[in-house]
Protein backbone atom coordinates (compact mmCIF):
# COMPACT_ATOMS: atom_id res chain seq x y z
CA UNK A 1 -27.07 7.70 -20.75
CA UNK A 2 -29.04 6.22 -17.85
CA UNK A 3 -27.05 5.51 -14.73
CA UNK A 4 -26.58 1.91 -13.68
CA UNK A 5 -27.88 2.59 -10.20
CA UNK A 6 -30.86 4.71 -11.18
CA UNK A 7 -33.97 3.17 -9.55
CA UNK A 8 -36.85 2.25 -11.81
CA UNK A 9 -34.90 2.39 -15.03
CA UNK A 10 -36.58 0.14 -17.57
CA UNK A 11 -34.68 -2.93 -18.71
CA UNK A 12 -36.70 -3.01 -21.91
CA UNK A 13 -34.11 -0.70 -23.42
CA UNK A 14 -31.58 -2.39 -25.64
CA UNK A 15 -28.75 -2.98 -23.23
CA UNK A 16 -26.27 -5.83 -22.82
CA UNK A 17 -26.76 -8.49 -20.18
CA UNK A 18 -24.17 -6.98 -17.85
CA UNK A 19 -25.92 -3.61 -17.84
CA UNK A 20 -29.29 -5.30 -17.35
CA UNK A 21 -27.91 -7.26 -14.39
CA UNK A 22 -26.70 -4.16 -12.61
CA UNK A 23 -29.99 -2.34 -13.14
CA UNK A 24 -32.44 -5.18 -12.52
CA UNK A 25 -30.76 -6.58 -9.45
CA UNK A 26 -29.99 -3.22 -7.91
CA UNK A 27 -33.42 -1.72 -8.47
CA UNK A 28 -35.42 -4.89 -7.88
CA UNK A 29 -33.71 -6.42 -4.88
CA UNK A 30 -31.96 -3.70 -2.95
CA UNK A 31 -33.69 -0.39 -2.39
CA UNK A 32 -30.70 1.20 -0.74
CA UNK A 33 -27.04 0.36 -0.49
CA UNK A 34 -24.69 0.70 2.43
CA UNK A 35 -21.77 0.61 0.01
CA UNK A 36 -19.23 3.23 0.87
CA UNK A 37 -18.89 5.78 -1.93
CA UNK A 38 -16.10 7.65 -0.21
CA UNK A 39 -12.51 7.26 -1.28
CA UNK A 40 -10.49 4.57 0.39
CA UNK A 41 -7.57 6.62 1.66
CA UNK A 42 -5.42 3.69 2.69
CA UNK A 43 -2.10 3.59 0.94
CA UNK A 44 -1.97 0.92 -1.72
CA UNK A 45 0.99 -0.61 -3.56
CA UNK A 46 1.89 1.31 -6.68
CA UNK A 47 0.79 -0.02 -10.04
CA UNK A 48 3.79 0.37 -12.28
CA UNK A 49 4.43 -0.13 -15.94
CA UNK A 50 7.22 -2.52 -16.77
CA UNK A 51 10.70 -1.00 -16.39
CA UNK A 52 11.51 -1.61 -20.04
CA UNK A 53 8.54 0.51 -21.09
CA UNK A 54 8.87 3.34 -18.58
CA UNK A 55 12.58 3.72 -19.35
CA UNK A 56 11.79 4.70 -22.92
CA UNK A 57 8.76 6.92 -22.20
CA UNK A 58 8.58 10.51 -21.06
CA UNK A 59 6.92 11.01 -17.65
CA UNK A 60 3.46 11.77 -19.04
CA UNK A 61 3.48 8.76 -21.35
CA UNK A 62 4.76 6.56 -18.51
CA UNK A 63 1.89 7.78 -16.29
CA UNK A 64 -0.65 6.99 -19.01
CA UNK A 65 0.87 3.52 -19.43
CA UNK A 66 0.58 2.93 -15.68
CA UNK A 67 -3.07 4.05 -15.74
CA UNK A 68 -3.84 1.67 -18.61
CA UNK A 69 -2.11 -1.15 -16.74
CA UNK A 70 -4.31 -0.52 -13.69
CA UNK A 71 -7.37 -0.31 -15.94
CA UNK A 72 -6.54 -3.70 -17.44
CA UNK A 73 -6.07 -5.15 -13.94
CA UNK A 74 -9.46 -3.73 -12.91
CA UNK A 75 -11.15 -5.67 -15.71
CA UNK A 76 -9.28 -8.80 -14.64
CA UNK A 77 -10.56 -8.51 -11.05
CA UNK A 78 -14.21 -7.60 -11.76
CA UNK A 79 -15.14 -10.97 -13.32
CA UNK A 80 -13.30 -12.77 -10.50
CA UNK A 81 -15.51 -11.01 -7.95
CA UNK A 82 -18.73 -11.69 -9.86
CA UNK A 83 -17.85 -15.37 -10.36
CA UNK A 84 -17.78 -16.11 -6.60
CA UNK A 85 -19.59 -13.69 -5.94
CA UNK A 86 -17.43 -11.78 -3.41
CA UNK A 87 -15.05 -8.84 -3.38
CA UNK A 88 -12.92 -10.59 -0.76
CA UNK A 89 -10.24 -12.79 -2.27
CA UNK A 90 -9.75 -10.45 -5.22
CA UNK A 91 -7.61 -7.35 -5.75
CA UNK A 92 -10.58 -5.27 -6.88
CA UNK A 93 -10.17 -2.70 -4.09
CA UNK A 94 -6.63 -2.12 -5.29
CA UNK A 95 -7.87 -1.00 -8.69
CA UNK A 96 -11.35 0.43 -8.01
CA UNK A 97 -12.72 3.09 -5.67
CA UNK A 98 -15.65 5.44 -5.19
CA UNK A 99 -18.58 4.79 -7.57
CA UNK A 100 -16.91 1.97 -9.50
CA UNK A 101 -16.21 0.00 -6.32
CA UNK A 102 -19.64 0.77 -4.87
CA UNK A 103 -21.40 -0.54 -7.99
CA UNK A 104 -19.32 -3.72 -7.90
CA UNK A 105 -20.19 -4.25 -4.22
CA UNK A 106 -23.91 -3.75 -4.91
CA UNK A 107 -23.80 -6.17 -7.85
CA UNK A 108 -21.99 -8.79 -5.73
CA UNK A 109 -24.61 -8.38 -2.97
CA UNK A 110 -27.46 -8.84 -5.43
CA UNK A 111 -25.87 -11.83 -7.14
CA UNK A 112 -25.50 -13.43 -3.70
CA UNK A 113 -29.08 -12.62 -2.70
CA UNK A 114 -30.46 -14.07 -5.92
CA UNK A 115 -28.25 -17.17 -5.97
CA UNK A 116 -26.50 -16.18 -9.16
CA UNK A 117 -22.96 -15.89 -10.44
CA UNK A 118 -21.37 -14.67 -13.64
CA UNK A 119 -19.28 -17.05 -15.70
CA UNK A 120 -16.84 -16.30 -18.47
CA UNK A 121 -15.34 -12.86 -18.67
CA UNK A 122 -15.59 -9.63 -20.64
CA UNK A 123 -13.08 -8.76 -23.34
CA UNK A 124 -11.76 -5.20 -23.29
CA UNK A 125 -9.96 -3.94 -26.40
CA UNK A 126 -8.76 -0.67 -27.92
CA UNK A 127 -8.16 0.95 -24.53
CA UNK A 128 -7.01 4.50 -25.18
CA UNK A 129 -6.33 7.47 -22.95
CA UNK A 130 -8.56 10.20 -24.39
CA UNK A 131 -7.62 12.95 -21.95
CA UNK A 132 -5.19 13.44 -19.09
CA UNK A 133 -4.66 15.96 -16.31
CA UNK A 134 -1.39 14.79 -14.86
CA UNK A 135 -0.27 18.06 -13.27
CA UNK A 136 -3.24 18.33 -10.94
CA UNK A 137 -2.96 17.59 -7.22
CA UNK A 138 -4.87 14.39 -7.95
CA UNK A 139 -3.83 13.30 -11.46
CA UNK A 140 -6.54 11.78 -13.62
CA UNK A 141 -7.04 10.23 -17.03
CA UNK A 142 -10.08 9.29 -19.08
CA UNK A 143 -10.03 6.00 -20.95
CA UNK A 144 -12.21 4.79 -23.81
CA UNK A 145 -12.47 1.07 -24.66
CA UNK A 146 -14.54 -1.46 -26.53
CA UNK A 147 -16.23 -3.82 -24.08
CA UNK A 148 -17.40 -7.22 -25.34
CA UNK A 149 -19.72 -9.00 -22.88
CA UNK A 150 -20.91 -11.75 -25.25
CA UNK A 151 -19.10 -14.48 -23.25
CA UNK A 152 -19.96 -13.07 -19.81
CA UNK A 153 -23.08 -14.91 -18.66
CA UNK A 154 -25.37 -14.70 -15.63
CA UNK A 155 -25.95 -18.21 -14.27
CA UNK A 156 -28.28 -19.64 -11.63
CA UNK A 157 -25.90 -21.04 -9.02
CA UNK A 158 -28.10 -24.05 -8.15
CA UNK A 159 -29.10 -25.18 -11.61
CA UNK A 160 -26.13 -23.95 -13.60
CA UNK A 161 -28.58 -22.65 -16.18
CA UNK A 162 -28.57 -19.14 -17.67
CA UNK A 163 -30.62 -16.70 -15.60
CA UNK A 164 -33.37 -14.71 -17.33
CA UNK A 165 -32.21 -11.20 -18.19
CA UNK A 166 -33.22 -8.57 -20.70
CA UNK A 167 -31.90 -9.54 -24.10
CA UNK A 168 -30.07 -7.17 -26.42
CA UNK A 169 -28.62 -7.33 -29.92
CA UNK A 170 -25.66 -5.31 -28.65
CA UNK A 171 -22.88 -7.20 -26.89
CA UNK A 172 -19.90 -5.01 -27.88
CA UNK A 173 -20.08 -1.33 -27.09
CA UNK A 174 -18.02 1.64 -26.00
CA UNK A 175 -17.25 2.19 -22.33
CA UNK A 176 -15.59 5.33 -20.98
CA UNK A 177 -13.91 5.44 -17.58
CA UNK A 178 -12.29 7.92 -15.23
CA UNK A 179 -9.16 6.95 -13.29
CA UNK A 180 -7.34 8.92 -10.61
CA UNK A 181 -3.98 8.35 -8.97
CA UNK A 182 -4.19 8.06 -5.19
CA UNK A 183 -0.99 7.66 -3.20
CA UNK A 184 0.84 6.49 -6.31
CA UNK A 185 -1.82 3.95 -7.41
CA UNK A 186 -4.22 4.39 -10.30
CA UNK A 187 -7.84 3.47 -9.57
CA UNK A 188 -11.01 3.34 -11.67
CA UNK A 189 -13.48 5.75 -10.05
CA UNK A 190 -16.43 5.59 -12.41
CA UNK A 191 -17.49 4.45 -15.86
CA UNK A 192 -20.22 5.05 -18.41
CA UNK A 193 -21.57 2.31 -20.64
CA UNK A 194 -22.61 3.43 -24.12
CA UNK A 195 -24.92 0.70 -25.40
CA UNK A 196 -25.89 3.02 -28.26
CA UNK A 197 -22.30 2.99 -29.53
CA UNK A 198 -21.45 -0.53 -30.79
CA UNK A 199 -17.80 -1.21 -31.53
């Protein structure tokens, strides 16, 4: 699977518009990024599952539920940032760190530079914890979901018209993500888009 931030990666591959945006704008408009890939060590408010749920779950299941709640919040904040485009004014830094946050910052910078925004939002379904290491010093979980980007469009900010991007027959595909718990808060650290695995 090609990395989103890999320079020179061809957009002729069958990839969804969101993936094409990240690759085209990053490789074509910014040769290097000052985005900070290091972990934001500042303490953040805890992301908690609802009391009614956690009261009936064992500790490991409660932790997984909290991770999935943070994961859902992450996908709520990403489209908010890309619609402005700006990280400020959103809670994205509360739910994303490291590579995931860096990629979002680079995408926001390129959208701004090119006078574009993203309208609509992705739909994330079937989010499942596929593995968990909750006893480690830094607990982590892996999550697999189905990501539907068919209603998430790249728009020219001045004209309001769709921006030209590489087309793809695939708009729903599997995405896998890694989350870690830092200071009591779950954060998405990185993700892999699997355009070859429609869902």
